[in-house]
Protein backbone atom coordinates (compact mmCIF):
# COMPACT_ATOMS: atom_id res chain seq x y z
CA MET A 1 -46.35 62.16 -163.56
CA ASN A 2 -42.68 61.67 -162.78
CA LYS A 3 -42.38 60.92 -159.06
CA ASN A 4 -38.82 62.28 -159.07
CA TYR A 5 -40.04 65.80 -159.90
CA TYR A 6 -40.27 68.22 -156.97
CA ALA A 7 -40.96 71.92 -156.51
CA VAL A 8 -40.18 74.42 -153.79
CA ILE A 9 -42.34 77.54 -153.79
CA MET A 10 -40.84 80.46 -151.89
CA ALA A 11 -43.71 82.30 -150.21
CA GLY A 12 -42.16 84.08 -147.25
CA GLY A 13 -41.69 87.65 -148.52
CA VAL A 14 -43.65 90.66 -147.30
CA GLY A 15 -43.98 92.56 -150.62
CA SER A 16 -43.64 96.00 -149.05
CA ARG A 17 -43.61 97.79 -152.42
CA PHE A 18 -47.26 96.76 -152.82
CA TRP A 19 -48.35 98.56 -149.68
CA PRO A 20 -51.09 99.17 -148.61
CA VAL A 21 -52.56 95.99 -150.16
CA SER A 22 -49.55 93.90 -149.18
CA THR A 23 -48.73 94.03 -145.47
CA PRO A 24 -46.48 91.94 -143.18
CA GLU A 25 -49.65 90.31 -141.82
CA PHE A 26 -51.04 89.47 -145.28
CA PRO A 27 -48.41 89.87 -148.05
CA LYS A 28 -48.95 90.08 -151.79
CA GLN A 29 -48.54 86.36 -152.62
CA PHE A 30 -51.80 85.71 -150.77
CA HIS A 31 -53.73 88.37 -152.71
CA ASP A 32 -55.46 88.21 -156.08
CA MET A 33 -53.33 91.07 -157.40
CA LEU A 34 -54.65 91.00 -160.97
CA GLY A 35 -58.30 90.31 -160.30
CA THR A 36 -58.19 86.82 -161.86
CA GLY A 37 -60.01 84.96 -159.09
CA GLU A 38 -56.83 83.26 -157.86
CA THR A 39 -54.13 84.53 -155.52
CA LEU A 40 -50.52 84.55 -156.73
CA VAL A 41 -49.53 81.54 -154.64
CA GLN A 42 -52.57 79.62 -155.90
CA LYS A 43 -51.62 80.44 -159.51
CA THR A 44 -48.04 79.29 -158.88
CA PHE A 45 -49.15 76.00 -157.32
CA THR A 46 -51.58 75.30 -160.17
CA ARG A 47 -48.92 76.07 -162.79
CA LEU A 48 -46.29 73.79 -161.24
CA SER A 49 -48.75 70.95 -160.68
CA GLN A 50 -49.15 70.60 -164.45
CA LEU A 51 -45.79 68.79 -164.47
CA ILE A 52 -45.05 67.99 -160.82
CA PRO A 53 -47.12 65.72 -158.56
CA LYS A 54 -49.07 67.91 -156.14
CA GLU A 55 -47.79 65.96 -153.17
CA ASN A 56 -44.21 66.79 -154.24
CA ILE A 57 -44.69 70.56 -154.05
CA LEU A 58 -43.30 72.16 -150.89
CA ILE A 59 -44.10 75.72 -149.86
CA LEU A 60 -41.48 77.65 -147.92
CA THR A 61 -42.95 80.37 -145.77
CA ASN A 62 -42.79 82.09 -142.43
CA ASP A 63 -44.45 80.60 -139.35
CA LYS A 64 -47.11 83.31 -139.26
CA TYR A 65 -48.42 82.50 -142.77
CA SER A 66 -49.13 78.82 -142.15
CA ASP A 67 -52.86 79.26 -141.58
CA ILE A 68 -53.25 81.46 -144.67
CA LEU A 69 -51.55 78.80 -146.80
CA LYS A 70 -53.79 76.04 -145.46
CA GLU A 71 -56.84 78.13 -146.27
CA GLN A 72 -55.72 79.01 -149.80
CA LEU A 73 -54.25 75.58 -150.65
CA PRO A 74 -56.49 73.13 -148.78
CA MET A 75 -55.19 70.20 -150.85
CA ILE A 76 -51.71 70.31 -149.30
CA THR A 77 -50.63 68.50 -146.14
CA ASN A 78 -48.87 69.98 -143.13
CA GLU A 79 -45.71 68.18 -144.25
CA GLN A 80 -45.67 70.21 -147.47
CA ILE A 81 -45.48 73.50 -145.57
CA VAL A 82 -41.87 74.20 -144.64
CA LEU A 83 -41.84 76.89 -141.97
CA GLU A 84 -38.98 79.31 -141.40
CA PRO A 85 -38.84 80.57 -137.81
CA ASP A 86 -36.64 83.49 -138.95
CA MET A 87 -36.22 85.29 -142.27
CA ARG A 88 -32.75 84.33 -143.50
CA ASN A 89 -32.94 85.11 -147.24
CA THR A 90 -33.07 82.39 -149.89
CA ALA A 91 -29.93 80.28 -149.34
CA PRO A 92 -30.76 78.73 -145.93
CA CYS A 93 -34.36 77.91 -146.83
CA ILE A 94 -33.33 76.33 -150.14
CA LEU A 95 -30.67 74.23 -148.39
CA TYR A 96 -33.20 73.17 -145.75
CA ALA A 97 -35.84 72.19 -148.31
CA SER A 98 -33.28 70.40 -150.50
CA MET A 99 -32.16 68.22 -147.60
CA LYS A 100 -35.76 67.34 -146.78
CA ILE A 101 -36.35 66.35 -150.40
CA LYS A 102 -33.12 64.33 -150.59
CA LYS A 103 -34.11 62.35 -147.51
CA GLU A 104 -37.43 61.50 -149.13
CA ASN A 105 -36.08 60.88 -152.62
CA PRO A 106 -32.32 61.02 -153.37
CA ASN A 107 -33.10 60.88 -157.12
CA ALA A 108 -35.17 64.06 -157.04
CA VAL A 109 -34.83 66.94 -159.49
CA MET A 110 -36.40 70.15 -158.31
CA ILE A 111 -37.43 73.64 -159.27
CA VAL A 112 -37.23 76.56 -156.84
CA ALA A 113 -39.71 79.26 -157.82
CA PRO A 114 -41.00 82.46 -156.21
CA SER A 115 -44.70 82.51 -155.37
CA ASP A 116 -45.38 86.00 -156.75
CA HIS A 117 -44.38 85.85 -160.41
CA TRP A 118 -46.83 86.26 -163.26
CA ILE A 119 -46.41 83.82 -166.16
CA GLU A 120 -48.93 83.99 -168.99
CA ASP A 121 -47.93 81.28 -171.47
CA GLU A 122 -48.06 78.27 -169.16
CA VAL A 123 -47.70 75.79 -172.02
CA GLN A 124 -44.30 77.29 -172.83
CA PHE A 125 -43.41 77.44 -169.15
CA VAL A 126 -44.07 73.71 -168.73
CA SER A 127 -42.08 73.01 -171.91
CA ASN A 128 -39.11 75.04 -170.65
CA LEU A 129 -39.28 73.36 -167.25
CA GLN A 130 -39.35 69.91 -168.85
CA ARG A 131 -36.25 70.82 -170.86
CA ALA A 132 -34.48 71.97 -167.69
CA PHE A 133 -35.50 68.85 -165.77
CA ASP A 134 -34.20 66.63 -168.57
CA SER A 135 -30.82 68.35 -168.42
CA CYS A 136 -30.57 68.23 -164.64
CA GLU A 137 -31.54 64.56 -164.48
CA SER A 138 -28.55 63.58 -166.61
CA ASP A 139 -25.92 66.22 -165.76
CA ASN A 140 -24.30 67.77 -162.70
CA VAL A 141 -25.53 71.30 -163.44
CA LEU A 142 -27.14 74.19 -161.61
CA MET A 143 -29.67 75.84 -163.90
CA THR A 144 -31.66 79.01 -163.96
CA LEU A 145 -34.31 80.28 -166.35
CA GLY A 146 -33.40 83.63 -167.90
CA ILE A 147 -35.81 86.15 -169.34
CA ILE A 148 -35.04 87.82 -172.67
CA PRO A 149 -34.99 91.57 -171.85
CA THR A 150 -37.50 93.76 -173.63
CA PHE A 151 -36.19 97.10 -172.35
CA PRO A 152 -33.27 98.38 -170.19
CA ASN A 153 -34.84 97.58 -166.84
CA THR A 154 -32.82 98.79 -163.85
CA GLY A 155 -34.89 96.85 -161.31
CA TYR A 156 -33.69 93.37 -162.30
CA GLY A 157 -30.38 91.59 -161.98
CA TYR A 158 -28.84 90.34 -165.23
CA ILE A 159 -27.03 87.13 -166.18
CA GLU A 160 -24.34 87.13 -168.86
CA PHE A 161 -23.94 83.97 -170.94
CA ASN A 162 -21.30 82.87 -173.43
CA LYS A 163 -22.17 84.60 -176.70
CA LEU A 164 -20.44 81.86 -178.70
CA ASP A 165 -22.53 79.10 -177.11
CA SER A 166 -25.00 78.00 -179.79
CA ARG A 167 -26.73 75.42 -177.60
CA GLN A 168 -30.26 75.96 -176.28
CA ILE A 169 -28.96 75.80 -172.70
CA LYS A 170 -26.02 78.20 -172.35
CA LYS A 171 -23.03 78.42 -170.03
CA VAL A 172 -23.26 81.31 -167.58
CA VAL A 173 -20.32 83.73 -167.56
CA GLN A 174 -21.37 85.84 -164.60
CA PHE A 175 -24.24 87.30 -162.60
CA ARG A 176 -24.55 91.10 -162.69
CA GLU A 177 -26.18 93.35 -160.10
CA LYS A 178 -29.08 95.66 -160.91
CA PRO A 179 -27.50 98.15 -163.33
CA ASP A 180 -28.00 101.84 -163.96
CA TYR A 181 -29.90 102.80 -167.12
CA GLN A 182 -26.86 103.21 -169.39
CA THR A 183 -25.37 99.90 -168.28
CA ALA A 184 -28.72 98.17 -168.84
CA LYS A 185 -28.82 99.61 -172.38
CA THR A 186 -25.34 98.23 -173.01
CA PHE A 187 -26.40 94.79 -171.75
CA ILE A 188 -29.32 94.69 -174.17
CA GLN A 189 -27.21 95.86 -177.11
CA ARG A 190 -24.70 93.07 -176.47
CA ARG A 191 -27.51 90.49 -176.79
CA ASN A 192 -25.97 87.94 -174.41
CA PHE A 193 -27.59 89.17 -171.20
CA LEU A 194 -30.84 87.88 -169.70
CA TRP A 195 -32.92 89.05 -166.78
CA ASN A 196 -32.41 86.98 -163.64
CA SER A 197 -35.84 85.41 -163.00
CA GLY A 198 -34.92 83.87 -159.64
CA ILE A 199 -36.21 80.48 -160.91
CA PHE A 200 -33.72 77.64 -160.39
CA VAL A 201 -33.60 73.97 -161.42
CA TRP A 202 -31.18 71.21 -160.32
CA ASN A 203 -31.03 67.71 -158.90
CA VAL A 204 -30.67 67.46 -155.13
CA LYS A 205 -27.24 65.85 -155.34
CA SER A 206 -25.83 68.76 -157.36
CA ILE A 207 -27.21 71.55 -155.18
CA LEU A 208 -26.16 69.87 -151.92
CA GLU A 209 -22.65 69.28 -153.26
CA ALA A 210 -22.50 72.97 -154.15
CA PHE A 211 -23.61 74.02 -150.67
CA GLU A 212 -21.07 71.68 -149.09
CA LYS A 213 -18.31 73.21 -151.24
CA PHE A 214 -19.18 76.91 -151.10
CA GLN A 215 -21.09 77.21 -147.79
CA PRO A 216 -19.53 74.53 -145.57
CA GLU A 217 -20.62 76.12 -142.28
CA MET A 218 -24.24 76.41 -143.36
CA TYR A 219 -24.14 72.90 -144.81
CA GLN A 220 -22.82 71.41 -141.57
CA LEU A 221 -25.38 73.36 -139.55
CA PHE A 222 -28.28 71.70 -141.38
CA GLN A 223 -26.54 68.37 -141.90
CA ALA A 224 -26.37 68.02 -138.12
CA GLY A 225 -30.16 67.83 -138.11
CA TYR A 226 -30.55 65.62 -141.19
CA SER A 227 -31.68 62.64 -139.12
CA THR A 228 -34.58 64.72 -137.75
CA PHE A 229 -35.87 65.90 -141.12
CA ASN A 230 -39.33 64.61 -142.05
CA THR A 231 -39.80 63.40 -138.46
CA GLN A 232 -41.47 64.87 -135.38
CA GLU A 233 -38.06 66.04 -134.10
CA GLU A 234 -37.49 68.33 -137.10
CA LYS A 235 -39.45 71.28 -135.72
CA GLN A 236 -37.39 71.47 -132.54
CA PHE A 237 -34.09 71.24 -134.41
CA ILE A 238 -35.09 74.03 -136.80
CA ALA A 239 -36.38 76.22 -133.97
CA GLU A 240 -33.04 75.91 -132.18
CA ASN A 241 -30.71 76.19 -135.18
CA TYR A 242 -32.27 78.03 -138.12
CA SER A 243 -31.38 81.49 -136.82
CA LYS A 244 -27.69 80.48 -136.77
CA ALA A 245 -27.62 80.34 -140.59
CA GLU A 246 -26.11 83.27 -142.46
CA ASN A 247 -28.58 85.73 -143.99
CA ILE A 248 -27.57 85.34 -147.64
CA SER A 249 -29.19 84.82 -151.03
CA ILE A 250 -28.76 81.71 -153.15
CA ASP A 251 -27.13 83.90 -155.83
CA TYR A 252 -24.35 85.09 -153.52
CA ALA A 253 -24.04 81.84 -151.59
CA VAL A 254 -23.78 79.39 -154.50
CA MET A 255 -24.70 80.49 -158.01
CA GLU A 256 -22.05 83.20 -158.40
CA LYS A 257 -19.32 80.87 -157.11
CA ALA A 258 -20.07 77.65 -159.00
CA ASP A 259 -18.60 76.85 -162.42
CA ASN A 260 -21.36 74.46 -163.51
CA VAL A 261 -24.11 77.09 -163.86
CA PHE A 262 -26.21 77.14 -167.02
CA ILE A 263 -29.13 79.23 -168.22
CA LEU A 264 -32.11 78.47 -170.44
CA PRO A 265 -33.56 81.54 -172.20
CA ALA A 266 -37.26 81.32 -171.42
CA THR A 267 -39.91 81.36 -174.14
CA PHE A 268 -42.79 82.38 -171.87
CA ASP A 269 -44.03 85.84 -170.88
CA TRP A 270 -42.81 86.75 -167.39
CA ASN A 271 -43.21 89.53 -164.88
CA ASP A 272 -41.90 89.45 -161.33
CA LEU A 273 -44.75 91.66 -160.05
CA GLY A 274 -42.37 93.49 -157.75
CA THR A 275 -44.01 96.91 -157.90
CA TRP A 276 -47.27 98.63 -158.76
CA GLY A 277 -45.69 99.64 -162.06
CA SER A 278 -44.93 96.03 -162.99
CA LEU A 279 -48.52 95.14 -162.13
CA TYR A 280 -49.74 98.01 -164.32
CA ASP A 281 -47.81 96.52 -167.26
CA LYS A 282 -49.80 93.26 -167.05
CA LEU A 283 -53.29 94.72 -166.59
CA PRO A 284 -55.77 95.58 -169.36
CA LYS A 285 -56.05 99.34 -169.98
CA ASP A 286 -58.85 101.68 -171.03
CA GLU A 287 -58.56 104.05 -174.00
CA CYS A 288 -56.53 106.46 -171.82
CA ASP A 289 -54.17 103.72 -170.63
CA ASN A 290 -55.62 103.59 -167.13
CA ALA A 291 -55.61 100.18 -165.43
CA MET A 292 -58.27 99.26 -162.88
CA VAL A 293 -58.33 96.36 -160.40
CA ASN A 294 -61.78 95.86 -158.87
CA GLY A 295 -64.30 98.71 -158.80
CA ASN A 296 -65.59 100.89 -161.62
CA LEU A 297 -63.69 103.82 -163.08
CA PHE A 298 -64.77 107.19 -164.49
CA VAL A 299 -62.03 109.50 -165.73
CA GLU A 300 -61.71 113.04 -167.06
CA ASN A 301 -58.33 113.99 -168.50
CA ALA A 302 -56.51 111.20 -166.64
CA THR A 303 -53.97 108.85 -168.23
CA ASN A 304 -51.48 106.05 -167.45
CA ASN A 305 -52.75 105.48 -163.91
CA ILE A 306 -53.20 102.25 -161.96
CA ILE A 307 -56.18 102.19 -159.61
CA ARG A 308 -57.09 99.50 -157.11
CA THR A 309 -60.05 99.61 -154.74
CA ASN A 310 -62.77 97.44 -153.26
CA PRO A 311 -65.05 95.51 -155.64
CA ASN A 312 -67.95 97.51 -157.10
CA LYS A 313 -66.66 100.84 -155.76
CA MET A 314 -66.98 103.82 -158.12
CA VAL A 315 -63.73 105.78 -158.53
CA VAL A 316 -63.66 109.18 -160.26
CA ILE A 317 -60.31 110.77 -161.12
CA GLY A 318 -59.35 113.80 -163.16
CA GLY A 319 -56.15 115.58 -164.10
CA LEU A 320 -53.80 112.82 -163.00
CA ASP A 321 -51.11 111.22 -165.16
CA ASP A 322 -48.92 108.24 -164.24
CA PHE A 323 -50.10 107.78 -160.67
CA ILE A 324 -50.69 104.86 -158.31
CA ILE A 325 -54.04 105.12 -156.54
CA VAL A 326 -54.86 102.44 -153.97
CA ASP A 327 -57.85 102.58 -151.62
CA LYS A 328 -57.79 99.87 -148.95
CA ASP A 329 -59.66 99.97 -145.66
CA ASP A 330 -58.33 102.95 -143.70
CA VAL A 331 -55.48 103.80 -146.11
CA LEU A 332 -55.52 105.84 -149.34
CA LEU A 333 -52.30 105.89 -151.38
CA ILE A 334 -51.85 108.45 -154.18
CA TYR A 335 -48.27 108.40 -155.42
CA PRO A 336 -46.37 109.04 -158.68
CA LYS A 337 -45.68 105.80 -160.50
CA LYS A 338 -42.18 106.90 -161.47
CA LYS A 339 -41.30 107.13 -157.75
CA GLU A 340 -42.77 103.74 -156.83
CA GLN A 341 -39.45 102.44 -155.49
CA GLU A 342 -39.82 104.97 -152.65
CA ILE A 343 -42.94 103.28 -151.26
CA LYS A 344 -40.89 100.65 -149.41
CA GLN A 345 -38.88 103.37 -147.64
CA ILE A 346 -42.00 105.36 -146.81
CA VAL A 347 -43.61 102.33 -145.16
CA ALA A 348 -40.44 101.77 -143.14
CA LYS A 349 -40.49 105.41 -141.98
CA MET A 350 -44.17 105.18 -141.05
CA ASN A 351 -43.57 102.01 -139.02
CA ALA A 352 -40.58 103.58 -137.27
CA LYS A 353 -42.68 106.61 -136.34
CA LYS A 354 -45.44 104.36 -134.94
CA SER A 355 -42.95 102.56 -132.71
CA GLU A 356 -41.56 105.77 -131.21
């Protein structure tokens, strides 16, 4: 394997839309969401290690998830777990990890990937990643993998590329926010828009130059601790300084400002597993289009539902169409699938009420 290849897995989110399975104490990336026998973070690590040396894969996460990671990925060392003392969105943690990698290997090329995506065709994924690595090794580019849209999804951001660019890797024109339905339909009809996967590839020199140019304050904040990185003094520096970084995404901080951004239309099946509905899309269905995770299901006049419960539990439903049904410990969720985006707000309201 190429010793210059590195990966950063982002595993610090709380996945509140997957409540009650995903909780702040044990979020979705540490669950086997599809009943495959592997958790999402385990699947991501295994996928990336097909091309990247296992010892070169870093996992970014919050302090409180360190023990869970060690239990689920016993092959990694403490040095591969990069702990964030505060949640500061994706830009600060990517800058931090990139500096750590540069100090270890200034010739590194790296992928930044979320821990909770579902990718089925891993052969194509590895092929696409190899193509991106090849480009980033030779050129000063910031790359992302774009997903060819299959329907006018309003839950994803979109990336517009140059329609006249006939190359496999295309020049990005602009990033677009999550659109309304009519705008999403227009994007798809124009055929030069891709879903923003949140998967990025670059060499460390290119990304650090971009941070220095577009986020000079954040760059200087972390550069001041560069001498401590990968040493025993690193933890203290991060504890004292990480919270000073701006809470901003990598898209806003760098990608939307840079003029050397390119996109590779992916040839693998992808799902960001952001909601129960997205999970439903990837699960096998019965003859009435009901999807079951764990347990055993008996239905009468029930269609298009997703049901998750404890293993071997019998679930009987009747007269329900397009619902989310989740039975976990002392919580039972029964909610319309078309209103799934509301679950995050409901959890926030419940937590606020508890703290009163």
